[in-house]
Amino acid sequence: MEVKSRHHLRSDEIRDLRETIEAQTGVDLDGDAFEKVDLTETRFDVVLVDGSPAVMFVDGDPYLTVTGANDYSPTEHVVTVDAGAVSFVSGGADVMRPGIVDADVDIDEGDLVAIKEETHGKVLAIGRALVPGAEMTGDSGKVVESVHHVGDDLYELSI
């Protein structure tokens, strides 16, 4: 990935971004400097908050990156997986019902979600819900499509 362009966000853009992230995740995206970075060779654009890649745009929708989610600890739109799912989710696999131990019931199909592991509460991936949160637990089926995960190019991004 290469940087195509960079620019600081205006105060109204920062306000809108903070309000959107808070509504989705329950996180107050606090920071002094907000800089949007347009990247090549990826479907993401990133917002650096105080120099850290905290927010990404997925198909035009802003959401926390794995780094941002671990820095700010989302309380809403969170899916928790068991220890058996950790290696798969960390490797970029989609999330299957048997690995889920809890899911926010306010998740709607199509929402971006943070996927965390139950033991330490660390976010492993960001995904898009394929079913509502109330239907995520069970015996079989894919319920979250992986979008960004620990160890991918976006996670390794250093600007």
Protein backbone atom coordinates (compact mmCIF):
# COMPACT_ATOMS: atom_id res chain seq x y z
CA MET A 1 0.00 0.00 0.00
CA GLU A 2 1.21 3.43 -0.86
CA VAL A 3 -0.07 6.80 0.25
CA LYS A 4 -1.94 8.56 -2.53
CA SER A 5 -2.73 11.72 -0.54
CA ARG A 6 -3.00 13.07 3.00
CA HIS A 7 -4.93 15.95 4.47
CA HIS A 8 -6.10 17.16 7.86
CA LEU A 9 -9.83 16.94 8.45
CA ARG A 10 -11.84 20.11 8.97
CA SER A 11 -13.56 20.60 12.31
CA ASP A 12 -17.00 19.73 10.86
CA GLU A 13 -15.58 16.51 9.33
CA ILE A 14 -14.04 15.60 12.69
CA ARG A 15 -17.35 16.25 14.46
CA ASP A 16 -19.28 14.10 11.96
CA LEU A 17 -16.70 11.29 12.17
CA ARG A 18 -16.71 11.32 15.98
CA GLU A 19 -20.53 11.26 16.09
CA THR A 20 -20.72 8.37 13.60
CA ILE A 21 -18.10 6.29 15.41
CA GLU A 22 -19.75 6.93 18.78
CA ALA A 23 -23.18 5.92 17.45
CA GLN A 24 -21.75 2.68 16.00
CA THR A 25 -19.36 1.64 18.74
CA GLY A 26 -20.04 3.65 21.90
CA VAL A 27 -16.52 5.09 21.61
CA ASP A 28 -15.60 8.73 22.11
CA LEU A 29 -12.92 9.11 19.47
CA ASP A 30 -10.80 11.59 21.38
CA GLY A 31 -7.75 13.09 19.75
CA ASP A 32 -6.00 16.33 18.86
CA ALA A 33 -5.06 15.62 15.23
CA PHE A 34 -7.25 13.90 12.60
CA GLU A 35 -5.62 13.23 9.23
CA LYS A 36 -7.24 11.36 6.33
CA VAL A 37 -4.89 9.18 4.30
CA ASP A 38 -5.98 7.93 0.87
CA LEU A 39 -4.19 4.69 0.04
CA THR A 40 -3.52 2.95 -3.26
CA GLU A 41 -3.89 -0.79 -3.88
CA THR A 42 -6.52 -1.21 -1.16
CA ARG A 43 -10.23 -0.68 -0.69
CA PHE A 44 -9.62 1.28 2.49
CA ASP A 45 -8.89 4.88 3.30
CA VAL A 46 -7.66 5.59 6.82
CA VAL A 47 -7.97 8.36 9.37
CA LEU A 48 -4.99 8.81 11.64
CA VAL A 49 -5.95 10.00 15.11
CA ASP A 50 -2.89 11.49 16.77
CA GLY A 51 -0.77 9.55 14.27
CA SER A 52 -2.37 6.14 14.83
CA PRO A 53 -4.54 4.45 12.12
CA ALA A 54 -7.71 4.43 14.22
CA VAL A 55 -10.49 4.64 11.61
CA MET A 56 -10.96 3.11 8.18
CA PHE A 57 -13.56 3.67 5.51
CA VAL A 58 -15.12 0.45 4.22
CA ASP A 59 -17.27 1.02 1.14
CA GLY A 60 -17.65 4.64 2.29
CA ASP A 61 -18.62 3.71 5.87
CA PRO A 62 -16.25 4.80 8.67
CA TYR A 63 -15.44 2.26 11.37
CA LEU A 64 -12.63 1.57 13.81
CA THR A 65 -9.61 -0.37 12.60
CA VAL A 66 -8.37 -3.28 14.71
CA THR A 67 -5.76 -0.89 16.14
CA GLY A 68 -8.41 1.74 16.84
CA ALA A 69 -10.74 -0.80 18.45
CA ASN A 70 -7.98 -2.01 20.74
CA ASP A 71 -7.04 1.58 21.61
CA TYR A 72 -10.63 2.72 22.32
CA SER A 73 -12.49 -0.50 23.36
CA PRO A 74 -15.90 -0.45 21.62
CA THR A 75 -18.93 -1.29 23.75
CA GLU A 76 -21.49 -1.63 20.94
CA HIS A 77 -21.61 -3.72 17.75
CA VAL A 78 -19.23 -6.26 19.27
CA VAL A 79 -19.13 -9.99 18.55
CA THR A 80 -17.18 -12.17 21.01
CA VAL A 81 -15.58 -15.44 19.90
CA ASP A 82 -14.24 -18.36 21.92
CA ALA A 83 -10.61 -19.48 22.11
CA GLY A 84 -11.12 -22.07 19.38
CA ALA A 85 -11.96 -19.36 16.84
CA VAL A 86 -9.02 -17.06 17.63
CA SER A 87 -6.48 -18.51 15.18
CA PHE A 88 -9.02 -18.59 12.35
CA VAL A 89 -10.36 -15.06 12.90
CA SER A 90 -6.82 -13.69 13.35
CA GLY A 91 -5.92 -15.23 10.00
CA GLY A 92 -8.78 -13.48 8.22
CA ALA A 93 -11.41 -16.21 8.25
CA ASP A 94 -15.08 -15.32 8.31
CA VAL A 95 -16.81 -15.93 11.65
CA MET A 96 -18.99 -19.01 12.01
CA ARG A 97 -21.84 -19.45 14.53
CA PRO A 98 -20.21 -22.21 16.62
CA GLY A 99 -17.32 -19.89 17.55
CA ILE A 100 -19.50 -17.07 18.86
CA VAL A 101 -20.13 -16.82 22.59
CA ASP A 102 -21.87 -13.41 22.56
CA ALA A 103 -23.13 -10.82 20.09
CA ASP A 104 -24.68 -7.39 20.58
CA VAL A 105 -28.41 -7.76 19.89
CA ASP A 106 -28.46 -4.27 18.34
CA ILE A 107 -26.39 -5.47 15.37
CA ASP A 108 -28.30 -5.37 12.10
CA GLU A 109 -27.45 -7.31 8.96
CA GLY A 110 -24.84 -5.31 7.03
CA ASP A 111 -23.42 -3.49 10.07
CA LEU A 112 -19.68 -3.34 10.63
CA VAL A 113 -18.71 -5.09 13.88
CA ALA A 114 -15.66 -5.55 16.09
CA ILE A 115 -14.75 -9.20 16.69
CA LYS A 116 -13.01 -9.78 20.01
CA GLU A 117 -11.78 -12.84 21.83
CA GLU A 118 -13.36 -13.72 25.16
CA THR A 119 -10.27 -14.42 27.28
CA HIS A 120 -8.47 -11.06 27.11
CA GLY A 121 -11.07 -8.94 25.30
CA LYS A 122 -8.70 -8.01 22.46
CA VAL A 123 -10.19 -7.16 19.08
CA LEU A 124 -8.93 -9.57 16.41
CA ALA A 125 -10.86 -8.38 13.38
CA ILE A 126 -13.48 -6.09 11.93
CA GLY A 127 -16.24 -7.66 9.88
CA ARG A 128 -19.61 -7.10 8.25
CA ALA A 129 -22.60 -8.83 9.87
CA LEU A 130 -24.42 -11.24 7.56
CA VAL A 131 -27.30 -11.72 10.05
CA PRO A 132 -28.74 -9.69 12.95
CA GLY A 133 -26.95 -9.97 16.31
CA ALA A 134 -29.80 -11.93 17.88
CA GLU A 135 -29.29 -14.68 15.25
CA MET A 136 -25.51 -15.00 15.51
CA THR A 137 -25.18 -17.82 18.02
CA GLY A 138 -26.00 -21.38 17.07
CA ASP A 139 -24.69 -24.57 15.55
CA SER A 140 -23.72 -23.77 11.96
CA GLY A 141 -23.32 -21.12 9.31
CA LYS A 142 -21.23 -18.08 8.47
CA VAL A 143 -22.48 -14.96 10.27
CA VAL A 144 -19.74 -12.32 9.91
CA GLU A 145 -17.65 -11.66 6.82
CA SER A 146 -14.09 -10.62 7.66
CA VAL A 147 -13.06 -7.19 6.37
CA HIS A 148 -9.83 -6.43 8.26
CA HIS A 149 -7.85 -8.53 10.73
CA VAL A 150 -4.73 -8.67 12.88
CA GLY A 151 -1.65 -9.07 10.69
CA ASP A 152 -3.14 -7.86 7.38
CA ASP A 153 -1.63 -4.98 5.39
CA LEU A 154 -3.85 -2.39 7.07
CA TYR A 155 -2.93 -3.68 10.52
CA GLU A 156 0.76 -3.51 9.63
CA LEU A 157 0.39 -0.01 8.19
CA SER A 158 2.91 2.50 9.50
CA ILE A 159 2.77 5.99 8.12
